[in-house]
Amino acid sequence: MDLHQLRVLRELADHGSIAATAQALSVTPSAVSQVLTALQRQFATPLTHKRGRSVELTDAGRALANAAVLVASAMARAQVAVEDYLGDLSAIVRISGFHSATVTFFPALAAMSSEPHHPPVECVDEDVSQDAFPALTASYDIVIAHRMSHTHPWPSQRLSVVPLLREPMDVAMRADHPLAQRKSLSPTDLVDESWVSTHAGFSPADMLEAIGASAGQPMRVVHRINDFTTAAAMVAHSNLVALFPRYTAGSPAGPAVTLRPLSGVRAVRNIDALTRPEQTTRRAVSVALDSLRQIANSLVESNSDYLAT
């Protein structure tokens, strides 16, 4: 049996006739009869009987109609419980982020979570390859993910995607490196350089492939380091170069490292918040997403003069 069948039986008990039941439900008497027939098939004992031209409930029918009231009450309580859950700002919002995002998003988000009318958050670092980010939404309410702009978009038919940043990737070098004298760098300017890059499958290693394709020869990667702090320290003490994200890596190694924008190739990565669509109906998740947007906007504003002139 289903809830609609039980409701029809309950209305029949309250209104006393198929015609009155049909009017109460805004359906035809024939539709009411069909529902009652389908419900009757599930029981060996009769639920209704005819008295003249009218239909009345048997004792079994009345017992089931009374049970329908209990079912309706339970469903109403369940609905209230769901609504309370969806509107609950005390529920913890679990958020994962890749390493450079954790440095810039998580401290500010943790501070916001201590404010009134903001849900508590649990922040977890998850440094995975780009194609593994969607699967993390099974374990977290929000997943801060990145992808290079030239790659396939996230599967929006399965995910809710909230854009946070479009982040340029800049070339990092020691402040006294010969290339630091230039205002911007093209792929051909970089073909003779030795690079510190991330592991394959992680940004910006995939961006180096595009740079190499534009220059007509691959870039020479001599070190594979996923941590930008370590990579910045290596760049600061050598003639190595690297690609650094403009906003989420912060000012790497202070004045010892200089950043220069790339020209002639699109070097931008998208930073997005991924959630499963049903999670966006929770008020706590919605508030946390708004906070992430605020942090992203402040990153862009505070780094407007980030590049050296």
Protein backbone atom coordinates (compact mmCIF):
# COMPACT_ATOMS: atom_id res chain seq x y z
CA MET A 1 0.00 0.00 0.00
CA ASP A 2 1.10 3.59 -0.40
CA LEU A 3 0.37 6.88 1.34
CA HIS A 4 -2.14 8.01 -1.29
CA GLN A 5 -4.21 4.85 -0.87
CA LEU A 6 -4.27 5.30 2.90
CA ARG A 7 -5.31 8.93 2.52
CA VAL A 8 -8.20 7.99 0.26
CA LEU A 9 -9.37 5.40 2.79
CA ARG A 10 -9.10 7.91 5.60
CA GLU A 11 -11.11 10.49 3.66
CA LEU A 12 -13.77 7.87 2.96
CA ALA A 13 -14.01 7.22 6.69
CA ASP A 14 -14.39 10.95 7.38
CA HIS A 15 -16.75 11.85 4.53
CA GLY A 16 -18.89 8.72 4.39
CA SER A 17 -19.28 8.33 0.62
CA ILE A 18 -17.22 7.96 -2.52
CA ALA A 19 -18.77 11.10 -4.02
CA ALA A 20 -17.93 13.21 -0.97
CA THR A 21 -14.44 11.71 -0.82
CA ALA A 22 -13.87 12.53 -4.47
CA GLN A 23 -15.00 16.11 -3.90
CA ALA A 24 -12.66 16.48 -0.91
CA LEU A 25 -9.72 15.18 -2.92
CA SER A 26 -10.65 17.11 -6.09
CA VAL A 27 -10.79 13.92 -8.17
CA THR A 28 -13.53 11.92 -9.84
CA PRO A 29 -15.55 9.24 -8.04
CA SER A 30 -14.14 6.75 -10.54
CA ALA A 31 -10.58 7.63 -9.47
CA VAL A 32 -11.52 7.04 -5.81
CA SER A 33 -13.03 3.66 -6.69
CA GLN A 34 -9.90 2.62 -8.58
CA VAL A 35 -7.69 3.47 -5.60
CA LEU A 36 -9.92 1.52 -3.22
CA THR A 37 -9.90 -1.47 -5.56
CA ALA A 38 -6.10 -1.44 -5.73
CA LEU A 39 -5.89 -1.19 -1.95
CA GLN A 40 -8.37 -4.04 -1.46
CA ARG A 41 -6.21 -6.39 -3.54
CA GLN A 42 -3.59 -6.29 -0.80
CA PHE A 43 -5.91 -7.70 1.88
CA ALA A 44 -7.79 -10.97 2.19
CA THR A 45 -10.56 -9.43 4.28
CA PRO A 46 -12.95 -6.81 2.82
CA LEU A 47 -12.24 -3.17 3.65
CA THR A 48 -15.58 -1.86 2.37
CA HIS A 49 -19.05 -3.17 1.75
CA LYS A 50 -22.08 -1.83 -0.07
CA ARG A 51 -25.11 -0.60 1.81
CA GLY A 52 -27.72 0.13 -0.82
CA ARG A 53 -26.07 2.45 -3.34
CA SER A 54 -23.42 3.66 -0.91
CA VAL A 55 -20.10 2.18 0.23
CA GLU A 56 -19.16 1.87 3.88
CA LEU A 57 -16.04 0.72 5.68
CA THR A 58 -15.95 -2.67 7.36
CA ASP A 59 -14.40 -3.08 10.79
CA ALA A 60 -11.13 -3.96 9.06
CA GLY A 61 -11.46 -0.88 6.87
CA ARG A 62 -12.06 1.34 9.88
CA ALA A 63 -9.03 -0.17 11.64
CA LEU A 64 -6.89 0.57 8.59
CA ALA A 65 -8.34 4.10 8.35
CA ASN A 66 -7.39 4.69 11.99
CA ALA A 67 -3.89 3.38 11.25
CA ALA A 68 -3.77 5.82 8.32
CA VAL A 69 -4.15 8.66 10.80
CA LEU A 70 -1.10 7.40 12.71
CA VAL A 71 0.86 7.07 9.46
CA ALA A 72 -0.08 10.62 8.43
CA SER A 73 1.00 11.91 11.84
CA ALA A 74 4.32 10.07 11.57
CA MET A 75 4.89 11.48 8.09
CA ALA A 76 4.14 14.98 9.34
CA ARG A 77 6.68 14.55 12.14
CA ALA A 78 9.21 13.24 9.63
CA GLN A 79 8.61 16.27 7.42
CA VAL A 80 9.15 18.60 10.38
CA ALA A 81 12.34 16.70 11.28
CA VAL A 82 13.66 17.14 7.75
CA GLU A 83 12.75 20.83 7.73
CA ASP A 84 14.49 21.29 11.07
CA TYR A 85 17.56 19.51 9.71
CA LEU A 86 17.61 21.60 6.56
CA GLY A 87 17.36 24.81 8.59
CA ASP A 88 19.72 23.76 11.38
CA LEU A 89 22.75 26.04 11.67
CA SER A 90 24.26 23.99 14.50
CA ALA A 91 25.00 20.99 12.25
CA ILE A 92 28.67 20.61 11.34
CA VAL A 93 29.54 21.25 7.69
CA ARG A 94 32.40 19.02 6.53
CA ILE A 95 34.63 20.71 3.94
CA SER A 96 37.63 19.33 2.10
CA GLY A 97 40.20 21.34 0.20
CA PHE A 98 43.41 20.80 -1.74
CA HIS A 99 46.62 22.02 -0.11
CA SER A 100 46.99 25.55 -1.45
CA ALA A 101 43.28 26.16 -0.89
CA THR A 102 43.53 25.06 2.74
CA VAL A 103 46.13 27.75 3.44
CA THR A 104 43.95 30.55 2.15
CA PHE A 105 40.37 29.38 2.75
CA PHE A 106 40.46 27.34 5.95
CA PRO A 107 41.83 29.88 8.48
CA ALA A 108 39.28 32.52 7.46
CA LEU A 109 36.49 29.94 7.34
CA ALA A 110 37.35 28.63 10.80
CA ALA A 111 37.24 32.19 12.15
CA MET A 112 33.83 32.78 10.55
CA SER A 113 32.48 29.55 12.02
CA SER A 114 32.91 30.94 15.54
CA GLU A 115 30.58 33.83 14.78
CA PRO A 116 26.86 33.79 15.66
CA HIS A 117 24.51 32.50 12.95
CA HIS A 118 27.32 30.57 11.24
CA PRO A 119 27.49 26.77 11.24
CA PRO A 120 30.50 24.98 12.72
CA VAL A 121 32.85 23.56 10.12
CA GLU A 122 35.22 20.62 9.98
CA CYS A 123 38.08 21.27 7.56
CA VAL A 124 40.04 18.40 6.02
CA ASP A 125 42.87 18.58 3.48
CA GLU A 126 42.49 16.25 0.50
CA ASP A 127 45.15 16.67 -2.17
CA VAL A 128 43.94 14.52 -5.05
CA SER A 129 44.20 14.57 -8.81
CA GLN A 130 41.60 16.60 -10.68
CA ASP A 131 39.46 13.66 -11.74
CA ALA A 132 39.14 12.45 -8.13
CA PHE A 133 37.47 15.59 -6.74
CA PRO A 134 33.84 14.72 -7.69
CA ALA A 135 34.00 11.43 -5.77
CA LEU A 136 34.95 13.29 -2.58
CA THR A 137 31.44 14.75 -2.42
CA ALA A 138 30.32 11.36 -1.07
CA SER A 139 32.38 12.02 2.07
CA TYR A 140 32.14 15.80 2.45
CA ASP A 141 29.36 18.37 2.32
CA ILE A 142 31.55 20.76 0.30
CA VAL A 143 34.66 19.96 -1.75
CA ILE A 144 36.96 22.81 -2.77
CA ALA A 145 38.36 21.63 -6.10
CA HIS A 146 40.49 22.99 -8.91
CA ARG A 147 40.75 22.36 -12.61
CA MET A 148 42.62 24.09 -15.40
CA SER A 149 40.37 26.14 -17.67
CA HIS A 150 41.29 24.13 -20.76
CA THR A 151 40.14 20.82 -19.23
CA HIS A 152 36.69 19.24 -19.23
CA PRO A 153 34.17 20.90 -16.89
CA TRP A 154 32.83 19.18 -13.79
CA PRO A 155 29.89 16.77 -14.32
CA SER A 156 27.20 19.36 -13.51
CA GLN A 157 24.44 16.80 -14.13
CA ARG A 158 25.61 15.05 -10.95
CA LEU A 159 27.08 17.95 -8.98
CA SER A 160 26.23 21.46 -7.91
CA VAL A 161 29.18 23.68 -8.90
CA VAL A 162 29.75 27.03 -7.19
CA PRO A 163 32.56 29.05 -8.84
CA LEU A 164 34.92 30.65 -6.33
CA LEU A 165 37.96 31.89 -8.28
CA ARG A 166 39.41 32.09 -11.74
CA GLU A 167 43.05 32.11 -10.78
CA PRO A 168 45.93 32.97 -13.14
CA MET A 169 49.08 30.87 -12.90
CA ASP A 170 52.22 33.03 -12.81
CA VAL A 171 55.87 32.16 -13.35
CA ALA A 172 57.83 32.27 -10.09
CA MET A 173 61.57 32.93 -10.04
CA ARG A 174 64.24 34.32 -7.80
CA ALA A 175 64.09 38.10 -7.55
CA ASP A 176 67.48 38.48 -9.27
CA HIS A 177 66.74 35.95 -12.01
CA PRO A 178 67.38 37.39 -15.53
CA LEU A 179 63.72 36.77 -16.47
CA ALA A 180 62.59 38.94 -13.56
CA GLN A 181 63.51 42.01 -15.61
CA ARG A 182 60.58 41.36 -17.94
CA LYS A 183 56.99 42.43 -17.26
CA SER A 184 55.54 39.20 -18.72
CA LEU A 185 56.87 35.96 -20.12
CA SER A 186 55.99 33.95 -23.20
CA PRO A 187 56.38 30.16 -23.59
CA THR A 188 59.45 30.64 -25.78
CA ASP A 189 61.10 32.65 -22.98
CA LEU A 190 60.92 29.57 -20.77
CA VAL A 191 62.20 26.72 -22.92
CA ASP A 192 65.72 26.75 -21.46
CA GLU A 193 64.64 26.93 -17.82
CA SER A 194 64.65 24.15 -15.22
CA TRP A 195 61.31 23.72 -13.50
CA VAL A 196 59.89 22.70 -10.15
CA SER A 197 56.42 21.36 -10.88
CA THR A 198 53.74 19.24 -9.28
CA HIS A 199 53.19 15.54 -9.84
CA ALA A 200 51.37 14.49 -13.00
CA GLY A 201 47.60 14.89 -12.63
CA PHE A 202 47.96 17.87 -10.30
CA SER A 203 47.91 21.52 -11.28
CA PRO A 204 49.99 23.18 -12.56
CA ALA A 205 51.83 20.20 -14.11
CA ASP A 206 49.12 19.97 -16.76
CA MET A 207 49.63 23.66 -17.54
CA LEU A 208 53.28 23.03 -18.38
CA GLU A 209 52.17 20.72 -21.15
CA ALA A 210 50.20 23.57 -22.73
CA ILE A 211 53.20 25.90 -22.35
CA GLY A 212 55.46 23.33 -23.96
CA ALA A 213 53.03 22.82 -26.83
CA SER A 214 52.95 26.57 -27.45
CA ALA A 215 56.76 26.81 -27.30
CA GLY A 216 57.22 23.85 -29.63
CA GLN A 217 59.18 21.75 -27.12
CA PRO A 218 58.47 20.32 -23.66
CA MET A 219 59.47 22.15 -20.51
CA ARG A 220 62.32 20.56 -18.53
CA VAL A 221 60.96 19.47 -15.12
CA VAL A 222 63.72 18.50 -12.68
CA HIS A 223 61.73 18.36 -9.41
CA ARG A 224 58.20 17.17 -8.57
CA ILE A 225 56.87 18.93 -5.47
CA ASN A 226 53.17 19.35 -4.70
CA ASP A 227 53.72 21.72 -1.80
CA PHE A 228 54.06 25.35 -2.96
CA THR A 229 55.90 26.43 0.20
CA THR A 230 58.65 23.90 -0.48
CA ALA A 231 58.73 24.78 -4.16
CA ALA A 232 58.99 28.50 -3.30
CA ALA A 233 61.94 27.83 -1.01
CA MET A 234 63.69 25.89 -3.78
CA VAL A 235 63.06 28.69 -6.28
CA ALA A 236 64.33 31.29 -3.80
CA HIS A 237 67.68 29.50 -3.47
CA SER A 238 68.37 28.54 -7.09
CA ASN A 239 67.77 29.42 -10.72
CA LEU A 240 64.73 27.14 -10.85
CA VAL A 241 61.37 28.46 -12.02
CA ALA A 242 57.87 27.28 -11.18
CA LEU A 243 54.23 28.02 -11.86
CA PHE A 244 52.42 29.42 -8.84
CA PRO A 245 48.74 30.27 -8.39
CA ARG A 246 48.33 34.02 -7.98
CA TYR A 247 45.82 34.09 -5.11
CA THR A 248 45.86 30.86 -3.15
CA ALA A 249 49.64 30.49 -2.80
CA GLY A 250 49.97 33.90 -1.20
CA SER A 251 53.23 35.81 -1.56
CA PRO A 252 55.70 32.91 -1.88
CA ALA A 253 58.94 33.19 0.10
CA GLY A 254 58.47 36.94 0.54
CA PRO A 255 60.59 39.31 -1.53
CA ALA A 256 63.04 36.54 -2.47
CA VAL A 257 60.62 35.26 -5.13
CA THR A 258 59.10 37.32 -7.94
CA LEU A 259 56.06 36.44 -10.04
CA ARG A 260 55.54 37.31 -13.68
CA PRO A 261 52.37 36.72 -15.72
CA LEU A 262 52.35 34.49 -18.77
CA SER A 263 51.48 35.81 -22.21
CA GLY A 264 50.56 33.93 -25.34
CA VAL A 265 48.98 31.01 -23.50
CA ARG A 266 45.90 30.67 -21.34
CA ALA A 267 47.15 29.85 -17.85
CA VAL A 268 44.13 29.96 -15.59
CA ARG A 269 42.73 27.46 -13.14
CA ASN A 270 39.17 27.41 -11.85
CA ILE A 271 38.61 26.94 -8.14
CA ASP A 272 35.09 25.70 -7.46
CA ALA A 273 33.06 24.40 -4.55
CA LEU A 274 31.49 21.05 -5.42
CA THR A 275 28.50 19.62 -3.58
CA ARG A 276 25.86 17.04 -4.21
CA PRO A 277 22.66 18.87 -5.25
CA GLU A 278 20.68 17.71 -2.22
CA GLN A 279 23.22 19.29 0.12
CA THR A 280 22.50 22.78 -1.19
CA THR A 281 19.03 22.65 0.40
CA ARG A 282 20.65 22.68 3.87
CA ARG A 283 20.88 26.18 5.31
CA ALA A 284 24.20 25.37 7.02
CA VAL A 285 25.78 24.35 3.72
CA SER A 286 24.35 27.42 1.98
CA VAL A 287 25.84 29.72 4.64
CA ALA A 288 29.24 27.99 4.37
CA LEU A 289 29.18 28.40 0.59
CA ASP A 290 28.44 32.11 0.98
CA SER A 291 31.42 32.38 3.35
CA LEU A 292 33.69 30.71 0.80
CA ARG A 293 32.54 33.22 -1.82
CA GLN A 294 33.33 36.10 0.54
CA ILE A 295 36.81 34.72 1.21
CA ALA A 296 37.45 34.29 -2.51
CA ASN A 297 36.37 37.87 -3.24
CA SER A 298 38.64 39.20 -0.51
CA LEU A 299 41.56 37.21 -1.94
CA VAL A 300 41.17 38.91 -5.30
CA GLU A 301 40.83 42.36 -3.72
CA SER A 302 43.82 41.96 -1.41
CA ASN A 303 46.01 40.64 -4.21
CA SER A 304 45.15 43.27 -6.80
CA ASP A 305 48.69 44.65 -6.53
CA TYR A 306 50.32 41.26 -5.89
CA LEU A 307 52.54 41.16 -8.97
CA ALA A 308 55.74 43.12 -8.86
CA THR A 309 55.92 46.06 -11.19
